């Protein structure tokens, strides 16, 4: 009998990415996605992977570009304002036909000095937020089990169609 494991949506995404073959996590801390980075920081060294906290969201997405260009599976995660900063790098990935998985745990506003609140306001940004004439696939998990299964699907789709895939969820699912 298999042991049951309880985890948050953010942790389920990180575990699924590892099982899908991701060995490079490149990110920058921002709430409410910080558990993704914390999980990867703990697990990546144990499996021979790379965890790198970049100096900015822009640096993180460009590091994902570099890893993807070598044919390796990479992931980054952020929240709404951080994803806005990553848009040019996402365009570069799409323009170069490079697969990558980008997690967006959505929140309201910049949140400087105030608590974060859940949001679903990045739906249009996920599809049309980058510049250029290219498709970007967005998957939206609605539960913790879907966080797990859609993360694995994100890697499959990103490689099949050679494009970035955005996992788009809100803070409630990330912390559920």
N, C-alpha and C. Protein backbone atom coordinates (compact mmCIF):
# COMPACT_ATOMS: atom_id res chain seq x y z
N UNK A 1 0.84 -1.18 0.00
CA UNK A 1 0.00 0.00 0.00
C UNK A 1 0.88 1.24 0.00
N UNK A 2 0.55 2.16 -0.86
CA UNK A 2 1.35 3.37 -0.98
C UNK A 2 1.03 4.35 0.15
N UNK A 3 2.07 4.98 0.66
CA UNK A 3 1.88 5.96 1.72
C UNK A 3 1.29 7.24 1.14
N UNK A 4 0.31 7.80 1.85
CA UNK A 4 -0.28 9.06 1.41
C UNK A 4 0.59 10.21 1.90
N UNK A 5 0.72 11.20 1.05
CA UNK A 5 1.54 12.37 1.37
C UNK A 5 0.65 13.60 1.27
N UNK A 6 0.70 14.43 2.29
CA UNK A 6 -0.04 15.68 2.26
C UNK A 6 0.93 16.81 1.91
N UNK A 7 0.54 17.63 0.97
CA UNK A 7 1.37 18.77 0.60
C UNK A 7 0.51 19.87 0.02
N UNK A 8 1.05 21.07 0.05
CA UNK A 8 0.38 22.23 -0.55
C UNK A 8 0.49 22.15 -2.07
N UNK A 9 -0.32 22.94 -2.74
CA UNK A 9 -0.24 23.00 -4.20
C UNK A 9 1.13 23.39 -4.70
N UNK A 10 1.75 24.37 -4.03
CA UNK A 10 3.10 24.80 -4.41
C UNK A 10 4.10 23.66 -4.30
N UNK A 11 3.99 22.87 -3.23
CA UNK A 11 4.90 21.74 -3.04
C UNK A 11 4.61 20.63 -4.06
N UNK A 12 3.34 20.44 -4.38
CA UNK A 12 2.97 19.42 -5.37
C UNK A 12 3.57 19.75 -6.74
N UNK A 13 3.57 21.03 -7.09
CA UNK A 13 4.19 21.45 -8.34
C UNK A 13 5.68 21.14 -8.34
N UNK A 14 6.35 21.46 -7.27
CA UNK A 14 7.80 21.21 -7.19
C UNK A 14 8.11 19.72 -7.26
N UNK A 15 7.37 18.91 -6.52
CA UNK A 15 7.60 17.46 -6.54
C UNK A 15 7.32 16.88 -7.92
N UNK A 16 6.26 17.32 -8.56
CA UNK A 16 5.94 16.83 -9.91
C UNK A 16 7.02 17.23 -10.91
N UNK A 17 7.54 18.44 -10.78
CA UNK A 17 8.61 18.89 -11.68
C UNK A 17 9.82 17.98 -11.56
N UNK A 18 10.16 17.62 -10.33
CA UNK A 18 11.29 16.71 -10.11
C UNK A 18 11.02 15.36 -10.76
N UNK A 19 9.82 14.83 -10.55
CA UNK A 19 9.47 13.53 -11.15
C UNK A 19 9.42 13.61 -12.67
N UNK A 20 9.13 14.79 -13.22
CA UNK A 20 9.11 14.97 -14.67
C UNK A 20 10.50 15.18 -15.26
N UNK A 21 11.51 15.19 -14.41
CA UNK A 21 12.88 15.31 -14.91
C UNK A 21 13.51 16.68 -14.79
N UNK A 22 12.85 17.62 -14.15
CA UNK A 22 13.44 18.94 -13.95
C UNK A 22 14.61 18.82 -12.97
N UNK A 23 15.75 19.31 -13.39
CA UNK A 23 16.94 19.28 -12.53
C UNK A 23 17.54 20.66 -12.35
N UNK A 24 16.83 21.69 -12.82
CA UNK A 24 17.33 23.06 -12.72
C UNK A 24 16.19 23.99 -12.36
N UNK A 25 16.24 24.51 -11.15
CA UNK A 25 15.26 25.51 -10.72
C UNK A 25 15.99 26.83 -10.57
N UNK A 26 15.46 27.85 -11.25
CA UNK A 26 16.08 29.17 -11.23
C UNK A 26 14.98 30.17 -10.93
N UNK A 27 15.07 30.82 -9.79
CA UNK A 27 13.97 31.69 -9.40
C UNK A 27 14.39 32.82 -8.50
N UNK A 28 13.39 33.52 -8.04
CA UNK A 28 13.57 34.67 -7.15
C UNK A 28 12.39 34.65 -6.18
N UNK A 29 12.63 34.86 -4.89
CA UNK A 29 11.53 34.73 -3.92
C UNK A 29 10.51 35.86 -4.03
N UNK A 30 9.26 35.47 -4.05
CA UNK A 30 8.14 36.41 -4.07
C UNK A 30 6.90 35.65 -3.60
N UNK A 31 6.16 36.24 -2.70
CA UNK A 31 4.97 35.55 -2.22
C UNK A 31 3.86 35.68 -3.24
N UNK A 32 2.97 34.71 -3.35
CA UNK A 32 2.78 33.51 -2.54
C UNK A 32 3.35 32.22 -3.15
N UNK A 33 4.40 32.32 -3.96
CA UNK A 33 4.99 31.12 -4.57
C UNK A 33 6.24 30.65 -3.87
N UNK A 34 6.62 31.25 -2.78
CA UNK A 34 7.91 30.98 -2.15
C UNK A 34 8.11 29.51 -1.78
N UNK A 35 7.02 28.79 -1.49
CA UNK A 35 7.18 27.37 -1.14
C UNK A 35 7.72 26.54 -2.31
N UNK A 36 7.44 26.95 -3.53
CA UNK A 36 8.01 26.25 -4.69
C UNK A 36 9.54 26.34 -4.62
N UNK A 37 10.04 27.54 -4.44
CA UNK A 37 11.49 27.75 -4.36
C UNK A 37 12.08 27.04 -3.15
N UNK A 38 11.43 27.13 -2.00
CA UNK A 38 11.94 26.49 -0.78
C UNK A 38 12.03 24.98 -0.95
N UNK A 39 11.02 24.39 -1.58
CA UNK A 39 11.01 22.95 -1.81
C UNK A 39 12.15 22.56 -2.74
N UNK A 40 12.32 23.32 -3.81
CA UNK A 40 13.39 23.03 -4.76
C UNK A 40 14.78 23.25 -4.14
N UNK A 41 14.91 24.24 -3.27
CA UNK A 41 16.20 24.48 -2.61
C UNK A 41 16.60 23.29 -1.75
N UNK A 42 15.62 22.64 -1.15
CA UNK A 42 15.90 21.48 -0.30
C UNK A 42 16.16 20.22 -1.12
N UNK A 43 15.38 20.03 -2.19
CA UNK A 43 15.44 18.78 -2.95
C UNK A 43 16.51 18.72 -4.04
N UNK A 44 16.76 19.83 -4.73
CA UNK A 44 17.68 19.80 -5.87
C UNK A 44 19.08 19.27 -5.51
N UNK A 45 19.71 19.72 -4.43
CA UNK A 45 21.04 19.18 -4.11
C UNK A 45 21.03 17.67 -3.86
N UNK A 46 19.93 17.14 -3.34
CA UNK A 46 19.83 15.72 -3.03
C UNK A 46 19.74 14.85 -4.27
N UNK A 47 19.32 15.43 -5.40
CA UNK A 47 19.17 14.64 -6.63
C UNK A 47 20.18 15.04 -7.70
N UNK A 48 21.17 15.82 -7.31
CA UNK A 48 22.19 16.24 -8.26
C UNK A 48 21.74 17.37 -9.16
N UNK A 49 20.70 18.08 -8.74
CA UNK A 49 20.17 19.19 -9.53
C UNK A 49 20.76 20.52 -9.10
N UNK A 50 20.29 21.57 -9.74
CA UNK A 50 20.76 22.92 -9.46
C UNK A 50 19.62 23.78 -8.96
N UNK A 51 19.81 24.40 -7.82
CA UNK A 51 18.91 25.44 -7.33
C UNK A 51 19.70 26.73 -7.32
N UNK A 52 19.15 27.74 -7.96
CA UNK A 52 19.83 29.02 -7.96
C UNK A 52 18.83 30.14 -7.72
N UNK A 53 19.07 30.90 -6.67
CA UNK A 53 18.27 32.09 -6.44
C UNK A 53 18.94 33.23 -7.18
N UNK A 54 18.29 33.68 -8.22
CA UNK A 54 18.85 34.73 -9.06
C UNK A 54 18.73 36.08 -8.37
N UNK A 55 19.39 37.08 -8.93
CA UNK A 55 19.34 38.42 -8.36
C UNK A 55 18.06 39.16 -8.72
N UNK A 56 17.29 38.64 -9.68
CA UNK A 56 16.03 39.26 -10.07
C UNK A 56 15.20 38.26 -10.86
N UNK A 57 13.94 38.61 -11.07
CA UNK A 57 13.08 37.78 -11.90
C UNK A 57 13.58 37.73 -13.35
N UNK A 58 14.10 38.85 -13.82
CA UNK A 58 14.61 38.92 -15.19
C UNK A 58 15.81 37.98 -15.36
N UNK A 59 16.70 38.00 -14.39
CA UNK A 59 17.85 37.10 -14.44
C UNK A 59 17.40 35.63 -14.41
N UNK A 60 16.41 35.32 -13.59
CA UNK A 60 15.94 33.94 -13.46
C UNK A 60 15.40 33.41 -14.79
N UNK A 61 14.56 34.17 -15.49
CA UNK A 61 13.99 33.68 -16.74
C UNK A 61 15.07 33.55 -17.81
N UNK A 62 16.05 34.42 -17.79
CA UNK A 62 17.14 34.31 -18.77
C UNK A 62 18.05 33.12 -18.46
N UNK A 63 18.17 32.75 -17.20
CA UNK A 63 18.90 31.53 -16.84
C UNK A 63 18.13 30.30 -17.31
N UNK A 64 16.80 30.34 -17.22
CA UNK A 64 15.97 29.25 -17.74
C UNK A 64 16.22 29.12 -19.24
N UNK A 65 16.29 30.24 -19.94
CA UNK A 65 16.59 30.23 -21.38
C UNK A 65 17.91 29.49 -21.64
N UNK A 66 18.92 29.81 -20.87
CA UNK A 66 20.22 29.16 -21.04
C UNK A 66 20.17 27.67 -20.81
N UNK A 67 19.49 27.24 -19.77
CA UNK A 67 19.36 25.81 -19.48
C UNK A 67 18.56 25.12 -20.59
N UNK A 68 17.44 25.72 -20.99
CA UNK A 68 16.61 25.13 -22.04
C UNK A 68 17.38 24.99 -23.35
N UNK A 69 18.25 25.94 -23.63
CA UNK A 69 19.05 25.89 -24.86
C UNK A 69 20.02 24.70 -24.86
N UNK A 70 20.34 24.16 -23.70
CA UNK A 70 21.22 22.99 -23.62
C UNK A 70 20.44 21.68 -23.68
N UNK A 71 19.10 21.78 -23.77
CA UNK A 71 18.27 20.58 -23.85
C UNK A 71 17.87 20.01 -22.51
N UNK A 72 18.10 20.72 -21.45
CA UNK A 72 17.75 20.25 -20.10
C UNK A 72 16.41 20.85 -19.68
N UNK A 73 15.75 20.16 -18.75
CA UNK A 73 14.48 20.64 -18.22
C UNK A 73 14.71 21.61 -17.07
N UNK A 74 14.06 22.77 -17.19
CA UNK A 74 14.22 23.82 -16.18
C UNK A 74 12.85 24.34 -15.79
N UNK A 75 12.83 25.03 -14.65
CA UNK A 75 11.60 25.65 -14.19
C UNK A 75 11.93 26.92 -13.42
N UNK A 76 11.02 27.87 -13.51
CA UNK A 76 11.05 29.05 -12.67
C UNK A 76 9.64 29.27 -12.17
N UNK A 77 9.52 30.01 -11.09
CA UNK A 77 8.20 30.35 -10.57
C UNK A 77 8.23 31.76 -10.04
N UNK A 78 7.06 32.37 -10.01
CA UNK A 78 6.94 33.73 -9.52
C UNK A 78 5.48 34.01 -9.22
N UNK A 79 5.19 35.25 -8.95
CA UNK A 79 3.82 35.72 -8.77
C UNK A 79 3.60 36.90 -9.70
N UNK A 80 2.40 37.34 -9.78
CA UNK A 80 1.94 38.32 -10.76
C UNK A 80 2.96 39.40 -11.15
N UNK A 81 3.47 40.23 -10.21
CA UNK A 81 4.40 41.28 -10.64
C UNK A 81 5.73 40.71 -11.14
N UNK A 82 6.15 39.58 -10.61
CA UNK A 82 7.38 38.94 -11.08
C UNK A 82 7.23 38.37 -12.47
N UNK A 83 6.05 37.84 -12.78
CA UNK A 83 5.78 37.33 -14.13
C UNK A 83 5.82 38.47 -15.14
N UNK A 84 5.30 39.63 -14.75
CA UNK A 84 5.36 40.79 -15.64
C UNK A 84 6.81 41.09 -16.02
N UNK A 85 7.72 40.96 -15.08
CA UNK A 85 9.13 41.20 -15.36
C UNK A 85 9.74 40.11 -16.25
N UNK A 86 9.19 38.92 -16.20
CA UNK A 86 9.71 37.79 -16.97
C UNK A 86 9.21 37.76 -18.42
N UNK A 87 8.27 38.62 -18.78
CA UNK A 87 7.61 38.52 -20.09
C UNK A 87 8.57 38.58 -21.27
N UNK A 88 9.56 39.43 -21.23
CA UNK A 88 10.49 39.50 -22.35
C UNK A 88 11.27 38.19 -22.49
N UNK A 89 11.69 37.61 -21.38
CA UNK A 89 12.38 36.32 -21.42
C UNK A 89 11.49 35.20 -21.92
N UNK A 90 10.20 35.25 -21.56
CA UNK A 90 9.26 34.26 -22.07
C UNK A 90 9.14 34.40 -23.59
N UNK A 91 9.13 35.64 -24.08
CA UNK A 91 9.12 35.88 -25.53
C UNK A 91 10.37 35.31 -26.20
N UNK A 92 11.52 35.49 -25.56
CA UNK A 92 12.76 34.93 -26.11
C UNK A 92 12.67 33.41 -26.22
N UNK A 93 12.15 32.77 -25.17
CA UNK A 93 12.00 31.31 -25.18
C UNK A 93 11.09 30.88 -26.33
N UNK A 94 9.96 31.55 -26.46
CA UNK A 94 9.02 31.20 -27.53
C UNK A 94 9.63 31.44 -28.91
N UNK A 95 10.32 32.55 -29.06
CA UNK A 95 10.94 32.87 -30.35
C UNK A 95 12.04 31.90 -30.74
N UNK A 96 12.68 31.31 -29.75
CA UNK A 96 13.76 30.35 -30.01
C UNK A 96 13.26 28.91 -30.02
N UNK A 97 11.96 28.72 -29.88
CA UNK A 97 11.37 27.37 -29.84
C UNK A 97 11.97 26.52 -28.72
N UNK A 98 12.12 27.13 -27.55
CA UNK A 98 12.69 26.42 -26.41
C UNK A 98 11.61 26.08 -25.39
N UNK A 99 11.58 24.83 -24.93
CA UNK A 99 10.59 24.44 -23.93
C UNK A 99 11.00 24.90 -22.53
N UNK A 100 10.02 25.31 -21.75
CA UNK A 100 10.27 25.69 -20.35
C UNK A 100 8.94 25.71 -19.61
N UNK A 101 9.00 25.52 -18.31
CA UNK A 101 7.81 25.59 -17.47
C UNK A 101 7.97 26.78 -16.53
N UNK A 102 6.94 27.63 -16.53
CA UNK A 102 6.93 28.84 -15.71
C UNK A 102 5.68 28.79 -14.84
N UNK A 103 5.86 28.86 -13.54
CA UNK A 103 4.75 28.81 -12.60
C UNK A 103 4.40 30.23 -12.17
N UNK A 104 3.11 30.56 -12.25
CA UNK A 104 2.61 31.85 -11.77
C UNK A 104 1.55 31.59 -10.71
N UNK A 105 1.90 31.83 -9.45
CA UNK A 105 0.94 31.76 -8.35
C UNK A 105 0.43 33.19 -8.17
N UNK A 106 -0.73 33.46 -8.74
CA UNK A 106 -1.25 34.82 -8.86
C UNK A 106 -1.59 35.46 -7.52
N UNK A 107 -1.45 36.78 -7.48
CA UNK A 107 -1.83 37.57 -6.32
C UNK A 107 -2.28 38.96 -6.77
N UNK A 108 -2.89 39.67 -5.85
CA UNK A 108 -3.36 41.02 -6.14
C UNK A 108 -2.23 42.01 -5.88
N UNK A 109 -2.01 42.91 -6.81
CA UNK A 109 -1.15 44.07 -6.61
C UNK A 109 0.29 43.78 -6.28
N UNK A 110 1.06 44.86 -6.06
CA UNK A 110 2.48 44.71 -5.78
C UNK A 110 2.78 44.17 -4.40
N UNK A 111 1.89 44.36 -3.44
CA UNK A 111 1.98 43.81 -2.09
C UNK A 111 3.15 44.31 -1.27
N UNK A 112 3.73 45.41 -1.59
CA UNK A 112 4.82 45.95 -0.79
C UNK A 112 4.25 46.49 0.51
N UNK A 113 4.59 45.83 1.62
CA UNK A 113 4.15 46.28 2.92
C UNK A 113 2.73 45.90 3.30
N UNK A 114 2.09 45.06 2.51
CA UNK A 114 0.73 44.62 2.85
C UNK A 114 0.61 43.13 2.59
N UNK A 115 -0.33 42.46 3.22
CA UNK A 115 -0.48 41.01 2.98
C UNK A 115 -0.94 40.72 1.56
N UNK A 116 -0.53 39.58 1.03
CA UNK A 116 -0.97 39.21 -0.31
C UNK A 116 -2.37 38.62 -0.24
N UNK A 117 -3.09 38.77 -1.31
CA UNK A 117 -4.44 38.23 -1.44
C UNK A 117 -4.52 37.43 -2.73
N UNK A 118 -5.40 36.43 -2.76
CA UNK A 118 -5.53 35.64 -3.99
C UNK A 118 -6.07 36.48 -5.14
N UNK A 119 -5.73 36.06 -6.34
CA UNK A 119 -6.18 36.77 -7.53
C UNK A 119 -6.21 35.80 -8.70
N UNK A 120 -7.00 36.13 -9.67
CA UNK A 120 -7.02 35.39 -10.93
C UNK A 120 -6.93 36.38 -12.08
N UNK A 121 -6.18 37.44 -11.86
CA UNK A 121 -6.11 38.54 -12.80
C UNK A 121 -5.06 38.42 -13.90
N UNK A 122 -4.31 37.32 -13.94
CA UNK A 122 -3.24 37.19 -14.92
C UNK A 122 -3.60 36.29 -16.10
N UNK A 123 -4.87 35.97 -16.26
CA UNK A 123 -5.27 35.06 -17.33
C UNK A 123 -4.91 35.65 -18.70
N UNK A 124 -5.24 36.92 -18.91
CA UNK A 124 -4.92 37.54 -20.20
C UNK A 124 -3.41 37.68 -20.38
N UNK A 125 -2.70 37.98 -19.29
CA UNK A 125 -1.24 38.11 -19.36
C UNK A 125 -0.60 36.78 -19.75
N UNK A 126 -1.13 35.68 -19.22
CA UNK A 126 -0.55 34.37 -19.53
C UNK A 126 -0.64 34.06 -21.02
N UNK A 127 -1.72 34.45 -21.63
CA UNK A 127 -1.91 34.14 -23.05
C UNK A 127 -1.31 35.18 -23.98
N UNK A 128 -1.47 36.47 -23.63
CA UNK A 128 -1.05 37.52 -24.55
C UNK A 128 -0.09 38.52 -23.93
N UNK A 129 0.47 38.23 -22.78
CA UNK A 129 1.28 39.21 -22.07
C UNK A 129 2.67 39.43 -22.61
N UNK A 130 3.16 38.50 -23.40
CA UNK A 130 4.50 38.68 -23.97
C UNK A 130 4.36 39.31 -25.35
N UNK A 131 5.41 39.93 -25.82
CA UNK A 131 5.36 40.51 -27.15
C UNK A 131 5.81 39.47 -28.17
N UNK A 132 5.32 39.61 -29.37
CA UNK A 132 5.66 38.66 -30.42
C UNK A 132 4.44 37.88 -30.86
N UNK A 133 4.54 37.29 -32.00
CA UNK A 133 3.44 36.54 -32.59
C UNK A 133 3.70 35.05 -32.36
N UNK A 134 3.38 34.59 -31.18
CA UNK A 134 3.66 33.20 -30.82
C UNK A 134 2.65 32.70 -29.81
N UNK A 135 2.39 31.42 -29.82
CA UNK A 135 1.49 30.85 -28.80
C UNK A 135 2.25 30.54 -27.51
N UNK A 136 1.56 30.67 -26.41
CA UNK A 136 2.07 30.19 -25.12
C UNK A 136 0.95 29.37 -24.50
N UNK A 137 1.26 28.19 -24.06
CA UNK A 137 0.25 27.32 -23.45
C UNK A 137 0.12 27.69 -21.98
N UNK A 138 -1.11 27.82 -21.50
CA UNK A 138 -1.36 28.08 -20.09
C UNK A 138 -2.26 26.97 -19.55
N UNK A 139 -1.83 26.35 -18.46
CA UNK A 139 -2.62 25.33 -17.77
C UNK A 139 -3.03 25.88 -16.42
N UNK A 140 -4.25 25.60 -15.99
CA UNK A 140 -4.77 26.19 -14.76
C UNK A 140 -5.26 25.12 -13.80
N UNK A 141 -4.41 24.66 -12.89
CA UNK A 141 -4.86 23.67 -11.92
C UNK A 141 -5.90 24.26 -10.96
N UNK A 142 -6.91 23.45 -10.66
CA UNK A 142 -7.98 23.88 -9.76
C UNK A 142 -7.97 23.12 -8.44
N UNK A 143 -6.95 22.29 -8.23
CA UNK A 143 -6.84 21.51 -6.99
C UNK A 143 -5.39 21.10 -6.82
N UNK A 144 -5.05 20.61 -5.65
CA UNK A 144 -3.68 20.16 -5.40
C UNK A 144 -3.34 18.96 -6.30
N UNK A 145 -4.21 17.96 -6.44
CA UNK A 145 -3.87 16.87 -7.37
C UNK A 145 -3.64 17.37 -8.81
N UNK A 146 -4.41 18.37 -9.23
CA UNK A 146 -4.18 18.93 -10.57
C UNK A 146 -2.87 19.70 -10.65
N UNK A 147 -2.43 20.30 -9.55
CA UNK A 147 -1.10 20.93 -9.54
C UNK A 147 -0.05 19.90 -9.93
N UNK A 148 -0.18 18.72 -9.37
CA UNK A 148 0.77 17.65 -9.64
C UNK A 148 0.66 17.17 -11.09
N UNK A 149 -0.54 16.77 -11.50
CA UNK A 149 -0.70 16.17 -12.83
C UNK A 149 -0.45 17.18 -13.95
N UNK A 150 -0.89 18.42 -13.76
CA UNK A 150 -0.68 19.41 -14.82
C UNK A 150 0.77 19.89 -14.92
N UNK A 151 1.53 19.77 -13.86
CA UNK A 151 2.96 20.08 -13.95
C UNK A 151 3.66 19.08 -14.87
N UNK A 152 3.36 17.82 -14.69
CA UNK A 152 3.93 16.79 -15.57
C UNK A 152 3.47 17.02 -17.01
N UNK A 153 2.19 17.34 -17.18
CA UNK A 153 1.65 17.64 -18.51
C UNK A 153 2.33 18.87 -19.12
N UNK A 154 2.65 19.85 -18.29
CA UNK A 154 3.32 21.06 -18.77
C UNK A 154 4.66 20.72 -19.42
N UNK A 155 5.43 19.84 -18.79
CA UNK A 155 6.72 19.44 -19.39
C UNK A 155 6.51 18.70 -20.71
N UNK A 156 5.51 17.83 -20.75
CA UNK A 156 5.23 17.09 -21.99
C UNK A 156 4.84 18.05 -23.12
N UNK A 157 3.94 18.99 -22.82
CA UNK A 157 3.49 19.93 -23.84
C UNK A 157 4.59 20.89 -24.28
N UNK A 158 5.40 21.34 -23.33
CA UNK A 158 6.45 22.30 -23.69
C UNK A 158 7.46 21.67 -24.65
N UNK A 159 7.76 20.40 -24.46
CA UNK A 159 8.70 19.74 -25.36
C UNK A 159 8.04 19.34 -26.68
N UNK A 160 6.80 18.89 -26.62
CA UNK A 160 6.11 18.51 -27.85
C UNK A 160 5.95 19.70 -28.79
N UNK A 161 5.56 20.85 -28.24
CA UNK A 161 5.29 22.03 -29.06
C UNK A 161 6.42 23.06 -29.05
N UNK A 162 7.51 22.75 -28.33
CA UNK A 162 8.70 23.63 -28.28
C UNK A 162 8.32 25.06 -27.92
N UNK A 163 7.65 25.21 -26.79
CA UNK A 163 7.19 26.52 -26.35
C UNK A 163 7.13 26.56 -24.83
N UNK A 164 7.18 27.75 -24.25
CA UNK A 164 6.98 27.85 -22.81
C UNK A 164 5.54 27.45 -22.44
N UNK A 165 5.41 26.84 -21.28
CA UNK A 165 4.10 26.53 -20.72
C UNK A 165 4.01 27.21 -19.37
N UNK A 166 2.91 27.92 -19.16
CA UNK A 166 2.69 28.62 -17.90
C UNK A 166 1.67 27.85 -17.08
N UNK A 167 2.06 27.50 -15.85
CA UNK A 167 1.11 26.95 -14.88
C UNK A 167 0.54 28.14 -14.12
N UNK A 168 -0.74 28.36 -14.27
CA UNK A 168 -1.39 29.56 -13.77
C UNK A 168 -2.39 29.18 -12.69
N UNK A 169 -2.09 29.54 -11.45
CA UNK A 169 -2.97 29.23 -10.34
C UNK A 169 -3.03 30.41 -9.40
N UNK A 170 -3.95 30.37 -8.47
CA UNK A 170 -3.99 31.47 -7.52
C UNK A 170 -3.44 31.04 -6.16
N UNK A 171 -3.30 32.01 -5.29
CA UNK A 171 -2.72 31.79 -3.97
C UNK A 171 -3.46 30.73 -3.18
N UNK A 172 -4.77 30.64 -3.34
CA UNK A 172 -5.55 29.65 -2.59
C UNK A 172 -5.11 28.23 -2.94
N UNK A 173 -4.98 27.93 -4.23
CA UNK A 173 -4.54 26.60 -4.66
C UNK A 173 -3.09 26.37 -4.24
N UNK A 174 -2.24 27.37 -4.34
CA UNK A 174 -0.85 27.24 -3.94
C UNK A 174 -0.67 26.88 -2.48
N UNK A 175 -1.55 27.41 -1.63
CA UNK A 175 -1.42 27.18 -0.19
C UNK A 175 -2.41 26.15 0.36
N UNK A 176 -3.26 25.61 -0.50
CA UNK A 176 -4.27 24.64 -0.06
C UNK A 176 -3.62 23.35 0.40
